[in-house]
C-alpha atoms as a PDB file:
ATOM      1  CA  LYS A   1     -44.217 -16.388  -4.977  1.00  0.00           C
ATOM      2  CA  LEU A   2     -47.135 -14.882  -6.194  1.00  0.00           C
ATOM      3  CA  GLY A   3     -49.664 -16.472  -4.097  1.00  0.00           C
ATOM      4  CA  ASP A   4     -49.327 -13.440  -1.718  1.00  0.00           C
ATOM      5  CA  PHE A   5     -49.585 -10.881  -4.486  1.00  0.00           C
ATOM      6  CA  ASN A   6     -52.528  -8.481  -4.107  1.00  0.00           C
ATOM      7  CA  LEU A   7     -52.804  -6.497  -7.100  1.00  0.00           C
ATOM      8  CA  GLY A   8     -55.899  -4.844  -5.456  1.00  0.00           C
ATOM      9  CA  GLU A   9     -53.475  -3.480  -2.779  1.00  0.00           C
ATOM     10  CA  THR A  10     -50.924  -3.032  -4.680  1.00  0.00           C
ATOM     11  CA  SER A  11     -53.426  -0.685  -7.105  1.00  0.00           C
ATOM     12  CA  ALA A  12     -54.400   0.493  -3.550  1.00  0.00           C
ATOM     13  CA  GLU A  13     -50.957   2.300  -2.573  1.00  0.00           C
ATOM     14  CA  LYS A  14     -50.054   3.598  -6.366  1.00  0.00           C
ATOM     15  CA  MET A  15     -53.049   5.336  -6.600  1.00  0.00           C
ATOM     16  CA  TRP A  16     -52.942   6.306  -3.088  1.00  0.00           C
ATOM     17  CA  SER A  17     -49.510   7.672  -3.879  1.00  0.00           C
ATOM     18  CA  LEU A  18     -50.421   9.637  -6.819  1.00  0.00           C
ATOM     19  CA  PHE A  19     -53.301  11.195  -5.305  1.00  0.00           C
ATOM     20  CA  GLU A  20     -50.887  11.974  -2.137  1.00  0.00           C
ATOM     21  CA  GLU A  21     -48.669  13.980  -4.677  1.00  0.00           C
ATOM     22  CA  GLU A  22     -51.587  15.371  -6.329  1.00  0.00           C
ATOM     23  CA  LEU A  23     -52.877  16.501  -3.176  1.00  0.00           C
ATOM     24  CA  GLU A  24     -49.683  18.428  -1.992  1.00  0.00           C
ATOM     25  CA  ASP A  25     -49.685  19.981  -4.890  1.00  0.00           C
ATOM     26  CA  ALA A  26     -53.286  21.382  -5.172  1.00  0.00           C
ATOM     27  CA  LEU A  27     -53.003  22.616  -1.541  1.00  0.00           C
ATOM     28  CA  ASN A  28     -49.766  24.348  -2.262  1.00  0.00           C
ATOM     29  CA  ASN A  29     -50.842  26.274  -5.211  1.00  0.00           C
ATOM     30  CA  ALA A  30     -53.766  27.181  -3.471  1.00  0.00           C
ATOM     31  CA  LEU A  31     -51.919  28.591  -0.714  1.00  0.00           C
ATOM     32  CA  THR A  32     -50.141  30.239  -3.178  1.00  0.00           C
ATOM     33  CA  ALA A  33     -52.839  31.588  -5.027  1.00  0.00           C
ATOM     34  CA  ASN A  34     -54.205  32.878  -1.332  1.00  0.00           C
ATOM     35  CA  ARG A  35     -51.011  34.958  -0.641  1.00  0.00           C
ATOM     36  CA  LEU A  36     -50.975  36.504  -3.646  1.00  0.00           C
ATOM     37  CA  ARG A  37     -54.790  37.412  -3.808  1.00  0.00           C
ATOM     38  CA  THR A  38     -54.235  38.541  -0.314  1.00  0.00           C
ATOM     39  CA  LEU A  39     -50.964  40.531  -1.026  1.00  0.00           C
ATOM     40  CA  SER A  40     -52.983  41.947  -4.037  1.00  0.00           C
ATOM     41  CA  VAL A  41     -55.698  43.263  -1.814  1.00  0.00           C
ATOM     42  CA  GLU A  42     -53.520  44.411   0.654  1.00  0.00           C
ATOM     43  CA  SER A  43     -51.437  46.707  -2.237  1.00  0.00           C
ATOM     44  CA  GLY A  44     -54.585  48.078  -3.578  1.00  0.00           C
ATOM     45  CA  GLU A  45     -54.153  46.499  -6.826  1.00  0.00           C
ATOM     46  CA  SER A  46     -57.166  44.177  -6.498  1.00  0.00           C
ATOM     47  CA  ASP A  47     -60.174  44.689  -4.548  1.00  0.00           C
ATOM     48  CA  ASN A  48     -63.130  43.001  -6.352  1.00  0.00           C
ATOM     49  CA  ASP A  49     -62.270  39.294  -5.165  1.00  0.00           C
ATOM     50  CA  SER A  50     -60.566  39.344  -1.295  1.00  0.00           C
ATOM     51  CA  ARG A  51     -62.082  35.196  -0.862  1.00  0.00           C
ATOM     52  CA  GLN A  52     -59.943  33.031   0.067  1.00  0.00           C
ATOM     53  CA  LEU A  53     -59.202  30.359  -2.861  1.00  0.00           C
ATOM     54  CA  VAL A  54     -59.066  27.472  -0.299  1.00  0.00           C
ATOM     55  CA  THR A  55     -61.267  28.919   3.301  1.00  0.00           C
ATOM     56  CA  THR A  56     -59.009  27.112   6.667  1.00  0.00           C
ATOM     57  CA  THR A  57     -62.101  25.759   7.406  1.00  0.00           C
ATOM     58  CA  GLU A  58     -62.449  24.172   3.833  1.00  0.00           C
ATOM     59  CA  ALA A  59     -59.093  22.190   3.863  1.00  0.00           C
ATOM     60  CA  ILE A  60     -59.689  20.760   7.461  1.00  0.00           C
ATOM     61  CA  ASN A  61     -63.000  19.458   6.466  1.00  0.00           C
ATOM     62  CA  LEU A  62     -60.965  18.048   3.054  1.00  0.00           C
ATOM     63  CA  LEU A  63     -58.349  17.072   5.793  1.00  0.00           C
ATOM     64  CA  PHE A  64     -60.950  14.704   7.959  1.00  0.00           C
ATOM     65  CA  SER A  65     -62.722  13.668   4.789  1.00  0.00           C
ATOM     66  CA  VAL A  66     -58.935  12.506   3.281  1.00  0.00           C
ATOM     67  CA  LYS A  67     -58.480  10.612   6.640  1.00  0.00           C
ATOM     68  CA  ALA A  68     -61.792   8.899   6.198  1.00  0.00           C
ATOM     69  CA  VAL A  69     -60.690   7.736   2.672  1.00  0.00           C
ATOM     70  CA  PHE A  70     -57.206   6.831   4.593  1.00  0.00           C
ATOM     71  CA  ASP A  71     -58.310   4.666   7.578  1.00  0.00           C
ATOM     72  CA  SER A  72     -61.302   2.960   5.446  1.00  0.00           C
ATOM     73  CA  TYR A  73     -59.574   1.638   2.385  1.00  0.00           C
ATOM     74  CA  ILE A  74     -55.458   2.351   2.744  1.00  0.00           C
ATOM     75  CA  ALA A  75     -53.958   2.261   5.934  1.00  0.00           C
ATOM     76  CA  GLU A  76     -54.577  -1.895   5.918  1.00  0.00           C
ATOM     77  CA  CYS A  77     -52.710  -1.996   3.066  1.00  0.00           C
ATOM     78  CA  PRO A  78     -48.743  -3.626   3.585  1.00  0.00           C
ATOM     79  CA  GLY A  79     -47.388  -0.663   2.659  1.00  0.00           C
ATOM     80  CA  TYR A  80     -48.723   1.261   4.320  1.00  0.00           C
ATOM     81  CA  LYS A  81     -49.607  -0.373   7.640  1.00  0.00           C
ATOM     82  CA  PHE A  82     -47.045   0.951   9.910  1.00  0.00           C
ATOM     83  CA  GLY A  83     -48.013   4.620   8.691  1.00  0.00           C
ATOM     84  CA  ASP A  84     -44.223   5.520   7.780  1.00  0.00           C
ATOM     85  CA  ARG A  85     -45.354   6.101   4.630  1.00  0.00           C
ATOM     86  CA  VAL A  86     -48.163   7.980   5.105  1.00  0.00           C
ATOM     87  CA  GLN A  87     -47.186  11.867   3.683  1.00  0.00           C
ATOM     88  CA  TYR A  88     -51.059  13.954   3.256  1.00  0.00           C
ATOM     89  CA  PRO A  89     -50.904  15.183   6.491  1.00  0.00           C
ATOM     90  CA  ARG A  90     -47.850  17.624   5.612  1.00  0.00           C
ATOM     91  CA  ALA A  91     -49.777  19.204   2.853  1.00  0.00           C
ATOM     92  CA  PHE A  92     -52.465  20.144   5.264  1.00  0.00           C
ATOM     93  CA  GLY A  93     -50.008  21.705   7.725  1.00  0.00           C
ATOM     94  CA  PRO A  94     -49.849  25.452   6.922  1.00  0.00           C
ATOM     95  CA  TYR A  95     -53.872  25.146   7.419  1.00  0.00           C
ATOM     96  CA  LEU A  96     -53.437  23.467  10.189  1.00  0.00           C
ATOM     97  CA  LEU A  97     -51.553  26.124  11.903  1.00  0.00           C
ATOM     98  CA  ARG A  98     -53.576  29.285  10.545  1.00  0.00           C
ATOM     99  CA  TRP A  99     -56.639  26.737  11.992  1.00  0.00           C
ATOM    100  CA  PHE A 100     -55.372  27.027  15.328  1.00  0.00           C
ATOM    101  CA  GLY A 101     -54.453  30.377  15.500  1.00  0.00           C
ATOM    102  CA  GLU A 102     -58.052  31.179  13.949  1.00  0.00           C
ATOM    103  CA  ARG A 103     -59.186  29.172  16.799  1.00  0.00           C
ATOM    104  CA  ASP A 104     -57.607  31.158  19.020  1.00  0.00           C
ATOM    105  CA  GLU A 105     -58.639  34.474  18.528  1.00  0.00           C
ATOM    106  CA  SER A 106     -61.960  33.066  18.738  1.00  0.00           C
ATOM    107  CA  GLN A 107     -61.588  31.337  21.565  1.00  0.00           C
ATOM    108  CA  ALA A 108     -60.380  34.724  23.486  1.00  0.00           C
ATOM    109  CA  ALA A 109     -62.966  36.408  21.773  1.00  0.00           C
ATOM    110  CA  ILE A 110     -66.052  34.498  23.579  1.00  0.00           C
ATOM    111  CA  ILE A 111     -63.676  34.368  26.952  1.00  0.00           C
ATOM    112  CA  THR A 112     -63.660  38.134  26.808  1.00  0.00           C
ATOM    113  CA  ASN A 113     -67.119  38.587  26.233  1.00  0.00           C
ATOM    114  CA  ALA A 114     -68.017  36.224  29.109  1.00  0.00           C
ATOM    115  CA  VAL A 115     -66.185  37.818  31.487  1.00  0.00           C
ATOM    116  CA  LYS A 116     -67.359  41.271  30.252  1.00  0.00           C
ATOM    117  CA  THR A 117     -70.930  40.310  30.696  1.00  0.00           C
ATOM    118  CA  ASP A 118     -70.201  39.179  33.824  1.00  0.00           C
ATOM    119  CA  ARG A 119     -69.181  42.538  34.884  1.00  0.00           C
ATOM    120  CA  GLU A 120     -71.878  43.955  32.841  1.00  0.00           C
ATOM    121  CA  THR A 121     -74.462  41.911  34.908  1.00  0.00           C
ATOM    122  CA  GLY A 122     -72.553  42.227  38.231  1.00  0.00           C
ATOM    123  CA  PHE A 123     -72.193  38.774  38.991  1.00  0.00           C
ATOM    124  CA  GLN A 124     -71.471  38.301  42.749  1.00  0.00           C
ATOM    125  CA  GLN A 125     -68.745  35.811  43.686  1.00  0.00           C
ATOM    126  CA  MET A 126     -70.360  33.042  45.617  1.00  0.00           C
ATOM    127  CA  SER A 127     -67.087  31.678  46.834  1.00  0.00           C
ATOM    128  CA  ALA A 128     -63.370  31.901  46.429  1.00  0.00           C
ATOM    129  CA  TYR A 129     -63.741  28.707  43.764  1.00  0.00           C
ATOM    130  CA  HIS A 130     -66.869  30.290  41.578  1.00  0.00           C
ATOM    131  CA  ARG A 131     -65.215  33.493  40.736  1.00  0.00           C
ATOM    132  CA  TYR A 132     -67.140  34.088  37.259  1.00  0.00           C
ATOM    133  CA  SER A 133     -70.296  32.615  36.132  1.00  0.00           C
ATOM    134  CA  SER A 134     -71.739  29.454  34.733  1.00  0.00           C
ATOM    135  CA  SER A 135     -71.435  31.490  30.863  1.00  0.00           C
ATOM    136  CA  VAL A 136     -67.406  31.680  31.791  1.00  0.00           C
ATOM    137  CA  VAL A 137     -67.314  28.074  32.699  1.00  0.00           C
ATOM    138  CA  ASP A 138     -69.203  26.768  29.812  1.00  0.00           C
ATOM    139  CA  VAL A 139     -66.547  28.068  27.328  1.00  0.00           C
ATOM    140  CA  PHE A 140     -64.187  25.496  28.529  1.00  0.00           C
ATOM    141  CA  LEU A 141     -66.537  22.700  28.684  1.00  0.00           C
ATOM    142  CA  LEU A 142     -67.997  23.030  25.890  1.00  0.00           C
ATOM    143  CA  SER A 143     -64.551  23.609  23.580  1.00  0.00           C
END
């Protein structure tokens, strides 16, 4: 039955599947290049350019952009309606894990500094429920 065929949706699905393949290849290549740069700097072979090809922040921003495009243009296509064909998040896995690790480290540093400030300024515990100043509590409310 030709009446149900939508050339626009079919084209969008095909272009998206090709985009997912290219995206995964590009992110894997960038991840490999990042590892090689890190190894060459650590071994002393190269110290002129230790920057990462794709930083974690750039990859996470790209993930959000790709998700926005998917949600806006592809999610309602018949082949993607149930989400079982969505492949792009897999390509971001290593970057997400690194981002979570970096976030944990930065959160720990912020909390440590807030507690240190409380100790240095002589914060007095008001009750059993107020053990720390608002600077420590704010870390959890703003995160």
